N, C-alpha and C. Protein backbone atom coordinates (compact mmCIF):
# COMPACT_ATOMS: atom_id res chain seq x y z
N MET A 1 -16.97 -14.15 -1.68
CA MET A 1 -16.01 -13.43 -0.86
C MET A 1 -14.71 -13.27 -1.64
N THR A 2 -14.16 -12.10 -1.60
CA THR A 2 -12.91 -11.80 -2.29
C THR A 2 -11.76 -11.90 -1.29
N THR A 3 -10.69 -12.55 -1.71
CA THR A 3 -9.49 -12.61 -0.88
C THR A 3 -8.55 -11.50 -1.34
N LEU A 4 -8.24 -10.60 -0.42
CA LEU A 4 -7.34 -9.48 -0.71
C LEU A 4 -5.99 -9.75 -0.07
N LEU A 5 -4.97 -9.84 -0.91
CA LEU A 5 -3.59 -9.94 -0.43
C LEU A 5 -3.05 -8.51 -0.44
N LEU A 6 -3.04 -7.89 0.71
CA LEU A 6 -2.63 -6.50 0.83
C LEU A 6 -1.13 -6.45 1.10
N VAL A 7 -0.40 -5.75 0.23
CA VAL A 7 1.07 -5.71 0.28
C VAL A 7 1.53 -4.26 0.43
N ARG A 8 2.58 -4.07 1.20
CA ARG A 8 3.25 -2.76 1.22
C ARG A 8 4.41 -2.84 0.25
N HIS A 9 4.65 -1.77 -0.48
CA HIS A 9 5.76 -1.74 -1.45
C HIS A 9 7.09 -2.07 -0.79
N GLY A 10 8.07 -2.43 -1.61
CA GLY A 10 9.42 -2.70 -1.12
C GLY A 10 10.08 -1.42 -0.61
N GLU A 11 11.19 -1.62 0.09
CA GLU A 11 11.91 -0.47 0.67
C GLU A 11 12.37 0.49 -0.43
N THR A 12 12.29 1.77 -0.11
CA THR A 12 12.69 2.81 -1.06
C THR A 12 13.91 3.57 -0.54
N VAL A 13 14.49 4.35 -1.42
CA VAL A 13 15.58 5.25 -1.03
C VAL A 13 15.09 6.15 0.10
N GLY A 14 13.86 6.68 -0.03
CA GLY A 14 13.29 7.54 1.01
C GLY A 14 13.10 6.83 2.33
N ASN A 15 12.60 5.56 2.29
CA ASN A 15 12.45 4.80 3.53
C ASN A 15 13.79 4.68 4.25
N ALA A 16 14.82 4.29 3.50
CA ALA A 16 16.14 4.06 4.08
C ALA A 16 16.72 5.34 4.67
N ASN A 17 16.36 6.49 4.09
CA ASN A 17 16.87 7.77 4.57
C ASN A 17 15.90 8.50 5.51
N GLN A 18 14.83 7.81 5.92
CA GLN A 18 13.83 8.36 6.84
C GLN A 18 13.20 9.66 6.32
N ILE A 19 12.86 9.64 5.03
CA ILE A 19 12.22 10.79 4.39
C ILE A 19 10.73 10.50 4.24
N LEU A 20 9.90 11.44 4.60
CA LEU A 20 8.45 11.30 4.47
C LEU A 20 8.08 11.51 2.99
N GLN A 21 7.77 10.41 2.30
CA GLN A 21 7.58 10.45 0.85
C GLN A 21 6.19 10.91 0.44
N GLY A 22 5.18 10.55 1.23
CA GLY A 22 3.81 10.92 0.89
C GLY A 22 3.44 10.49 -0.51
N GLN A 23 2.93 11.41 -1.32
CA GLN A 23 2.46 11.07 -2.66
C GLN A 23 3.49 11.37 -3.75
N THR A 24 4.77 11.44 -3.37
CA THR A 24 5.83 11.54 -4.37
C THR A 24 6.04 10.14 -4.96
N PRO A 25 6.66 10.03 -6.15
CA PRO A 25 6.79 8.72 -6.80
C PRO A 25 7.57 7.69 -5.97
N GLY A 26 8.69 8.10 -5.40
CA GLY A 26 9.54 7.18 -4.66
C GLY A 26 10.22 6.20 -5.59
N GLU A 27 11.34 5.67 -5.15
CA GLU A 27 12.10 4.73 -5.96
C GLU A 27 12.59 3.59 -5.08
N LEU A 28 12.33 2.34 -5.52
CA LEU A 28 12.84 1.20 -4.78
C LEU A 28 14.36 1.23 -4.78
N ASN A 29 14.95 0.89 -3.64
CA ASN A 29 16.40 0.71 -3.59
C ASN A 29 16.70 -0.77 -3.84
N GLU A 30 17.96 -1.17 -3.76
CA GLU A 30 18.32 -2.57 -4.02
C GLU A 30 17.61 -3.51 -3.06
N THR A 31 17.52 -3.12 -1.81
CA THR A 31 16.82 -3.94 -0.81
C THR A 31 15.36 -4.10 -1.19
N GLY A 32 14.72 -3.01 -1.61
CA GLY A 32 13.31 -3.06 -2.00
C GLY A 32 13.05 -3.95 -3.19
N VAL A 33 13.94 -3.91 -4.18
CA VAL A 33 13.81 -4.79 -5.35
C VAL A 33 13.96 -6.24 -4.90
N ALA A 34 14.94 -6.51 -4.04
CA ALA A 34 15.16 -7.87 -3.53
C ALA A 34 13.95 -8.35 -2.72
N GLN A 35 13.36 -7.46 -1.92
CA GLN A 35 12.17 -7.83 -1.14
C GLN A 35 11.02 -8.21 -2.07
N ALA A 36 10.80 -7.41 -3.11
CA ALA A 36 9.72 -7.68 -4.07
C ALA A 36 9.99 -8.98 -4.82
N GLU A 37 11.23 -9.21 -5.21
CA GLU A 37 11.59 -10.45 -5.92
C GLU A 37 11.37 -11.67 -5.02
N LYS A 38 11.73 -11.56 -3.74
CA LYS A 38 11.52 -12.66 -2.79
C LYS A 38 10.03 -12.95 -2.65
N LEU A 39 9.22 -11.90 -2.53
CA LEU A 39 7.77 -12.08 -2.41
C LEU A 39 7.20 -12.69 -3.69
N ALA A 40 7.71 -12.27 -4.84
CA ALA A 40 7.26 -12.84 -6.11
C ALA A 40 7.52 -14.35 -6.15
N ARG A 41 8.69 -14.76 -5.68
CA ARG A 41 9.00 -16.20 -5.63
C ARG A 41 8.06 -16.93 -4.66
N GLU A 42 7.84 -16.34 -3.50
CA GLU A 42 6.98 -16.96 -2.48
C GLU A 42 5.54 -17.11 -2.97
N LEU A 43 5.07 -16.17 -3.79
CA LEU A 43 3.68 -16.19 -4.26
C LEU A 43 3.52 -16.75 -5.67
N SER A 44 4.61 -17.25 -6.25
CA SER A 44 4.57 -17.67 -7.66
C SER A 44 3.59 -18.80 -7.92
N ASP A 45 3.35 -19.65 -6.93
CA ASP A 45 2.40 -20.76 -7.10
C ASP A 45 1.02 -20.45 -6.51
N THR A 46 0.84 -19.26 -5.98
CA THR A 46 -0.45 -18.86 -5.42
C THR A 46 -1.35 -18.37 -6.54
N PRO A 47 -2.54 -18.96 -6.69
CA PRO A 47 -3.46 -18.47 -7.73
C PRO A 47 -3.93 -17.05 -7.39
N ILE A 48 -3.63 -16.12 -8.28
CA ILE A 48 -4.03 -14.72 -8.10
C ILE A 48 -4.75 -14.30 -9.38
N ASP A 49 -5.96 -13.78 -9.22
CA ASP A 49 -6.79 -13.41 -10.37
C ASP A 49 -6.52 -12.02 -10.91
N ALA A 50 -6.07 -11.11 -10.03
CA ALA A 50 -5.85 -9.73 -10.46
C ALA A 50 -4.81 -9.08 -9.57
N PHE A 51 -4.10 -8.12 -10.18
CA PHE A 51 -3.09 -7.34 -9.47
C PHE A 51 -3.49 -5.87 -9.57
N VAL A 52 -3.46 -5.18 -8.43
CA VAL A 52 -3.84 -3.77 -8.37
C VAL A 52 -2.74 -3.05 -7.59
N SER A 53 -2.44 -1.84 -8.00
CA SER A 53 -1.38 -1.08 -7.35
C SER A 53 -1.80 0.36 -7.15
N SER A 54 -1.18 0.99 -6.16
CA SER A 54 -1.20 2.45 -6.08
C SER A 54 -0.61 2.96 -7.39
N ASP A 55 -0.97 4.17 -7.78
CA ASP A 55 -0.42 4.72 -9.01
C ASP A 55 0.91 5.45 -8.78
N LEU A 56 1.50 5.27 -7.61
CA LEU A 56 2.82 5.86 -7.34
C LEU A 56 3.90 4.85 -7.74
N GLN A 57 4.99 5.37 -8.30
CA GLN A 57 6.05 4.55 -8.90
C GLN A 57 6.54 3.42 -8.01
N ARG A 58 6.78 3.67 -6.72
CA ARG A 58 7.35 2.65 -5.84
C ARG A 58 6.43 1.45 -5.68
N ALA A 59 5.12 1.70 -5.67
CA ALA A 59 4.16 0.60 -5.56
C ALA A 59 4.02 -0.12 -6.90
N GLU A 60 3.96 0.64 -7.99
CA GLU A 60 3.85 0.01 -9.32
C GLU A 60 5.05 -0.88 -9.61
N HIS A 61 6.25 -0.43 -9.25
CA HIS A 61 7.46 -1.23 -9.48
C HIS A 61 7.37 -2.53 -8.68
N THR A 62 6.95 -2.43 -7.42
CA THR A 62 6.79 -3.62 -6.58
C THR A 62 5.77 -4.57 -7.20
N CYS A 63 4.63 -4.03 -7.62
CA CYS A 63 3.55 -4.84 -8.18
C CYS A 63 4.00 -5.53 -9.48
N ARG A 64 4.72 -4.79 -10.31
CA ARG A 64 5.21 -5.36 -11.58
C ARG A 64 6.09 -6.58 -11.32
N ILE A 65 6.97 -6.48 -10.32
CA ILE A 65 7.87 -7.59 -9.97
C ILE A 65 7.07 -8.78 -9.46
N ILE A 66 6.10 -8.54 -8.59
CA ILE A 66 5.32 -9.63 -8.00
C ILE A 66 4.42 -10.30 -9.05
N ALA A 67 3.89 -9.51 -9.99
CA ALA A 67 2.99 -10.06 -11.02
C ALA A 67 3.74 -10.82 -12.12
N ALA A 68 5.02 -10.55 -12.28
CA ALA A 68 5.79 -11.13 -13.39
C ALA A 68 5.70 -12.66 -13.49
N PRO A 69 5.88 -13.42 -12.39
CA PRO A 69 5.79 -14.88 -12.52
C PRO A 69 4.40 -15.37 -12.96
N HIS A 70 3.40 -14.54 -12.80
CA HIS A 70 2.03 -14.89 -13.17
C HIS A 70 1.72 -14.47 -14.61
N ASN A 71 2.67 -13.76 -15.23
CA ASN A 71 2.48 -13.25 -16.60
C ASN A 71 1.19 -12.46 -16.72
N MET A 72 0.96 -11.62 -15.72
CA MET A 72 -0.28 -10.84 -15.69
C MET A 72 0.03 -9.35 -15.57
N PRO A 73 -0.82 -8.53 -16.17
CA PRO A 73 -0.67 -7.08 -16.00
C PRO A 73 -1.26 -6.67 -14.65
N PHE A 74 -1.12 -5.39 -14.33
CA PHE A 74 -1.77 -4.86 -13.13
C PHE A 74 -2.45 -3.57 -13.51
N THR A 75 -3.42 -3.20 -12.69
CA THR A 75 -4.07 -1.91 -12.86
C THR A 75 -3.66 -1.01 -11.70
N SER A 76 -3.68 0.27 -11.93
CA SER A 76 -3.30 1.25 -10.90
C SER A 76 -4.51 2.07 -10.49
N THR A 77 -4.51 2.49 -9.24
CA THR A 77 -5.59 3.34 -8.74
C THR A 77 -5.04 4.36 -7.75
N PRO A 78 -5.51 5.61 -7.84
CA PRO A 78 -5.11 6.61 -6.85
C PRO A 78 -5.71 6.35 -5.47
N LEU A 79 -6.69 5.45 -5.38
CA LEU A 79 -7.27 5.13 -4.06
C LEU A 79 -6.21 4.53 -3.13
N LEU A 80 -5.20 3.87 -3.71
CA LEU A 80 -4.16 3.24 -2.90
C LEU A 80 -2.95 4.13 -2.64
N ARG A 81 -3.03 5.39 -3.04
CA ARG A 81 -1.91 6.29 -2.79
C ARG A 81 -1.64 6.44 -1.30
N GLU A 82 -0.40 6.75 -0.99
CA GLU A 82 -0.02 7.02 0.39
C GLU A 82 -0.70 8.30 0.85
N ARG A 83 -0.73 8.50 2.15
CA ARG A 83 -1.29 9.72 2.73
C ARG A 83 -0.56 10.93 2.16
N ASP A 84 -1.32 11.97 1.87
CA ASP A 84 -0.74 13.23 1.42
C ASP A 84 -0.27 13.98 2.66
N TRP A 85 1.03 14.12 2.79
CA TRP A 85 1.61 14.76 3.98
C TRP A 85 1.75 16.27 3.82
N GLY A 86 1.24 16.82 2.73
CA GLY A 86 1.23 18.27 2.55
C GLY A 86 2.61 18.88 2.76
N GLY A 87 2.69 19.88 3.61
CA GLY A 87 3.93 20.59 3.88
C GLY A 87 5.01 19.76 4.54
N PHE A 88 4.67 18.60 5.06
CA PHE A 88 5.66 17.69 5.65
C PHE A 88 6.34 16.81 4.60
N THR A 89 5.79 16.75 3.39
CA THR A 89 6.35 15.89 2.34
C THR A 89 7.81 16.26 2.09
N GLY A 90 8.64 15.23 2.08
CA GLY A 90 10.07 15.41 1.84
C GLY A 90 10.89 15.68 3.09
N ALA A 91 10.23 15.78 4.23
CA ALA A 91 10.93 16.08 5.48
C ALA A 91 11.63 14.84 6.05
N PHE A 92 12.69 15.09 6.81
CA PHE A 92 13.40 14.05 7.55
C PHE A 92 12.52 13.70 8.74
N ILE A 93 12.03 12.48 8.81
CA ILE A 93 11.01 12.09 9.79
C ILE A 93 11.40 12.42 11.23
N PRO A 94 12.62 12.09 11.69
CA PRO A 94 12.95 12.43 13.08
C PRO A 94 12.87 13.93 13.40
N SER A 95 13.00 14.79 12.40
CA SER A 95 12.96 16.24 12.64
C SER A 95 11.53 16.74 12.88
N LEU A 96 10.53 15.89 12.67
CA LEU A 96 9.14 16.32 12.79
C LEU A 96 8.57 16.17 14.20
N LYS A 97 9.34 15.54 15.08
CA LYS A 97 8.85 15.34 16.46
C LYS A 97 8.47 16.68 17.08
N ASP A 98 7.27 16.73 17.64
CA ASP A 98 6.73 17.92 18.32
C ASP A 98 6.41 19.09 17.38
N LYS A 99 6.47 18.89 16.08
CA LYS A 99 6.12 19.96 15.13
C LYS A 99 4.61 20.04 15.00
N VAL A 100 4.11 21.24 14.76
CA VAL A 100 2.68 21.44 14.51
C VAL A 100 2.40 20.99 13.08
N TRP A 101 1.35 20.18 12.92
CA TRP A 101 1.02 19.66 11.59
C TRP A 101 0.47 20.76 10.70
N PRO A 102 0.94 20.82 9.46
CA PRO A 102 0.37 21.78 8.51
C PRO A 102 -1.09 21.43 8.22
N GLU A 103 -1.86 22.43 7.86
CA GLU A 103 -3.28 22.21 7.57
C GLU A 103 -3.51 21.40 6.31
N ASP A 104 -2.48 21.30 5.45
CA ASP A 104 -2.67 20.59 4.18
C ASP A 104 -2.36 19.09 4.26
N VAL A 105 -2.15 18.55 5.46
CA VAL A 105 -1.97 17.10 5.62
C VAL A 105 -3.34 16.43 5.49
N GLU A 106 -3.40 15.37 4.69
CA GLU A 106 -4.66 14.63 4.50
C GLU A 106 -5.17 14.12 5.84
N SER A 107 -6.44 14.37 6.12
CA SER A 107 -7.02 13.97 7.41
C SER A 107 -7.23 12.46 7.47
N LEU A 108 -7.30 11.94 8.69
CA LEU A 108 -7.59 10.51 8.87
C LEU A 108 -8.97 10.18 8.32
N THR A 109 -9.91 11.09 8.46
CA THR A 109 -11.25 10.88 7.92
C THR A 109 -11.18 10.68 6.41
N ASP A 110 -10.40 11.52 5.73
CA ASP A 110 -10.29 11.42 4.27
C ASP A 110 -9.56 10.16 3.83
N ILE A 111 -8.50 9.80 4.55
CA ILE A 111 -7.75 8.60 4.14
C ILE A 111 -8.58 7.34 4.40
N LYS A 112 -9.37 7.35 5.48
CA LYS A 112 -10.23 6.20 5.75
C LYS A 112 -11.38 6.13 4.75
N ARG A 113 -11.82 7.27 4.24
CA ARG A 113 -12.84 7.29 3.19
C ARG A 113 -12.27 6.63 1.92
N ARG A 114 -11.02 6.96 1.57
CA ARG A 114 -10.38 6.32 0.43
C ARG A 114 -10.25 4.82 0.63
N ALA A 115 -9.91 4.44 1.87
CA ALA A 115 -9.78 3.01 2.19
C ALA A 115 -11.11 2.29 1.99
N ARG A 116 -12.20 2.88 2.44
CA ARG A 116 -13.54 2.30 2.27
C ARG A 116 -13.89 2.19 0.80
N LEU A 117 -13.61 3.23 0.02
CA LEU A 117 -13.87 3.20 -1.42
C LEU A 117 -13.06 2.09 -2.10
N PHE A 118 -11.82 1.92 -1.67
CA PHE A 118 -10.98 0.85 -2.23
C PHE A 118 -11.56 -0.52 -1.91
N LEU A 119 -11.93 -0.76 -0.66
CA LEU A 119 -12.51 -2.05 -0.28
C LEU A 119 -13.80 -2.32 -1.05
N ASP A 120 -14.63 -1.30 -1.20
CA ASP A 120 -15.87 -1.46 -1.96
C ASP A 120 -15.58 -1.78 -3.43
N MET A 121 -14.59 -1.11 -4.00
CA MET A 121 -14.21 -1.36 -5.39
C MET A 121 -13.73 -2.80 -5.58
N ILE A 122 -12.90 -3.27 -4.67
CA ILE A 122 -12.38 -4.64 -4.76
C ILE A 122 -13.53 -5.64 -4.69
N ALA A 123 -14.43 -5.46 -3.75
CA ALA A 123 -15.57 -6.38 -3.59
C ALA A 123 -16.46 -6.38 -4.83
N GLN A 124 -16.68 -5.21 -5.42
CA GLN A 124 -17.57 -5.10 -6.58
C GLN A 124 -16.93 -5.59 -7.87
N HIS A 125 -15.67 -5.26 -8.09
CA HIS A 125 -15.02 -5.60 -9.36
C HIS A 125 -14.41 -7.00 -9.38
N TYR A 126 -14.14 -7.57 -8.23
CA TYR A 126 -13.46 -8.87 -8.17
C TYR A 126 -14.17 -9.85 -7.25
N PRO A 127 -15.49 -10.07 -7.44
CA PRO A 127 -16.20 -10.98 -6.53
C PRO A 127 -15.64 -12.39 -6.62
N ASN A 128 -15.45 -13.00 -5.46
CA ASN A 128 -14.98 -14.39 -5.36
C ASN A 128 -13.66 -14.64 -6.07
N GLN A 129 -12.80 -13.61 -6.09
CA GLN A 129 -11.49 -13.74 -6.70
C GLN A 129 -10.41 -13.44 -5.65
N THR A 130 -9.18 -13.74 -6.02
CA THR A 130 -8.04 -13.40 -5.19
C THR A 130 -7.32 -12.23 -5.87
N VAL A 131 -7.19 -11.13 -5.12
CA VAL A 131 -6.58 -9.91 -5.65
C VAL A 131 -5.38 -9.55 -4.79
N LEU A 132 -4.25 -9.29 -5.44
CA LEU A 132 -3.09 -8.77 -4.74
C LEU A 132 -3.03 -7.27 -5.00
N ALA A 133 -2.97 -6.50 -3.93
CA ALA A 133 -2.95 -5.04 -4.05
C ALA A 133 -1.72 -4.48 -3.33
N VAL A 134 -0.96 -3.65 -4.05
CA VAL A 134 0.24 -3.04 -3.47
C VAL A 134 -0.04 -1.58 -3.13
N GLY A 135 0.07 -1.28 -1.86
CA GLY A 135 -0.13 0.08 -1.38
C GLY A 135 1.06 0.55 -0.56
N HIS A 136 0.77 1.35 0.44
CA HIS A 136 1.79 2.02 1.25
C HIS A 136 1.44 1.86 2.73
N GLY A 137 2.36 2.24 3.58
CA GLY A 137 2.19 2.04 5.01
C GLY A 137 0.91 2.59 5.59
N ILE A 138 0.63 3.87 5.38
CA ILE A 138 -0.53 4.49 6.03
C ILE A 138 -1.84 4.09 5.36
N ILE A 139 -1.90 4.08 4.04
CA ILE A 139 -3.16 3.67 3.39
C ILE A 139 -3.46 2.21 3.71
N ASN A 140 -2.45 1.35 3.76
CA ASN A 140 -2.71 -0.05 4.11
C ASN A 140 -3.21 -0.16 5.55
N LYS A 141 -2.68 0.68 6.42
CA LYS A 141 -3.15 0.70 7.80
C LYS A 141 -4.61 1.16 7.84
N ALA A 142 -4.95 2.18 7.03
CA ALA A 142 -6.32 2.69 6.98
C ALA A 142 -7.27 1.63 6.43
N ILE A 143 -6.84 0.88 5.42
CA ILE A 143 -7.67 -0.20 4.87
C ILE A 143 -7.98 -1.23 5.95
N GLN A 144 -6.97 -1.61 6.71
CA GLN A 144 -7.19 -2.58 7.79
C GLN A 144 -8.02 -1.99 8.92
N SER A 145 -7.83 -0.71 9.20
CA SER A 145 -8.62 -0.03 10.23
C SER A 145 -10.10 -0.08 9.88
N VAL A 146 -10.42 0.23 8.61
CA VAL A 146 -11.81 0.20 8.15
C VAL A 146 -12.32 -1.24 8.14
N PHE A 147 -11.52 -2.15 7.60
CA PHE A 147 -11.93 -3.55 7.47
C PHE A 147 -12.26 -4.18 8.83
N TYR A 148 -11.38 -3.97 9.80
CA TYR A 148 -11.55 -4.58 11.12
C TYR A 148 -12.33 -3.69 12.09
N ASP A 149 -12.73 -2.50 11.65
CA ASP A 149 -13.40 -1.53 12.49
C ASP A 149 -12.60 -1.25 13.76
N LYS A 150 -11.32 -0.91 13.54
CA LYS A 150 -10.40 -0.58 14.63
C LYS A 150 -9.87 0.82 14.41
N GLU A 151 -9.35 1.40 15.47
CA GLU A 151 -8.66 2.69 15.33
C GLU A 151 -7.33 2.46 14.62
N MET A 152 -6.85 3.47 13.95
CA MET A 152 -5.58 3.35 13.21
C MET A 152 -4.44 2.87 14.11
N HIS A 153 -4.34 3.42 15.32
CA HIS A 153 -3.24 3.05 16.20
C HIS A 153 -3.32 1.59 16.67
N GLU A 154 -4.46 0.96 16.47
CA GLU A 154 -4.62 -0.45 16.88
C GLU A 154 -4.15 -1.41 15.79
N VAL A 155 -3.83 -0.91 14.60
CA VAL A 155 -3.37 -1.74 13.50
C VAL A 155 -1.85 -1.70 13.48
N GLU A 156 -1.24 -2.88 13.53
CA GLU A 156 0.21 -2.96 13.54
C GLU A 156 0.79 -2.49 12.21
N LYS A 157 1.87 -1.74 12.29
CA LYS A 157 2.57 -1.22 11.11
C LYS A 157 3.04 -2.39 10.24
N MET A 158 2.90 -2.23 8.93
CA MET A 158 3.38 -3.24 7.98
C MET A 158 4.83 -2.96 7.60
N GLY A 159 5.60 -4.01 7.47
CA GLY A 159 6.96 -3.88 6.97
C GLY A 159 6.94 -3.79 5.45
N ASN A 160 8.06 -3.41 4.87
CA ASN A 160 8.16 -3.36 3.42
C ASN A 160 8.02 -4.76 2.84
N ALA A 161 7.22 -4.88 1.80
CA ALA A 161 6.94 -6.14 1.09
C ALA A 161 6.26 -7.18 1.99
N GLU A 162 5.60 -6.73 3.04
CA GLU A 162 4.82 -7.63 3.91
C GLU A 162 3.43 -7.81 3.29
N VAL A 163 2.84 -8.98 3.51
CA VAL A 163 1.51 -9.30 3.00
C VAL A 163 0.57 -9.54 4.17
N ARG A 164 -0.64 -9.01 4.07
CA ARG A 164 -1.72 -9.32 5.02
C ARG A 164 -2.92 -9.77 4.20
N VAL A 165 -3.62 -10.78 4.70
CA VAL A 165 -4.76 -11.37 3.97
C VAL A 165 -6.07 -10.90 4.60
N LEU A 166 -6.95 -10.33 3.76
CA LEU A 166 -8.28 -9.88 4.20
C LEU A 166 -9.32 -10.58 3.34
N LYS A 167 -10.38 -11.06 3.96
CA LYS A 167 -11.50 -11.69 3.25
C LYS A 167 -12.62 -10.66 3.16
N VAL A 168 -12.80 -10.09 1.96
CA VAL A 168 -13.71 -8.97 1.75
C VAL A 168 -15.07 -9.48 1.23
N LYS A 169 -16.12 -9.15 1.96
CA LYS A 169 -17.48 -9.55 1.55
C LYS A 169 -18.07 -8.51 0.62
N ALA A 170 -18.82 -8.98 -0.35
CA ALA A 170 -19.45 -8.07 -1.32
C ALA A 170 -20.59 -7.32 -0.68
């Protein structure tokens, strides 16, 4: 059984300004760096065999900070990317209330398919290991939705730099 430490990236400039970042790189703000550094200290004595990150800058930066005390590299995967918000990308989140969703927004079916592929990859590539993976709010929710066989709305939103532990069977 693989232990997955699922982490959401630290706070970004976009998070603080309520901007829908989607698959843009994003940049950690001072709070986000501090959150990642705090988590790195908290996990510094935790045995972790591998570090995996979304290939978006905000997640990679968070992962790099958390992996530093372990003197370990990390690998990146597009499977952990945030939901593609299509035409909503870059929008001020409160302004989207009651708006019709553009057709180019990634479907829940597609994001949950990515979540399943990610869980399968972790189980296959890291059997009986502890893996820390840094993703984003919606993809992390989708991973938990698939893992627990729950609807997305039944999974509690993760805070920035929050960790959830999943025991993934091969």
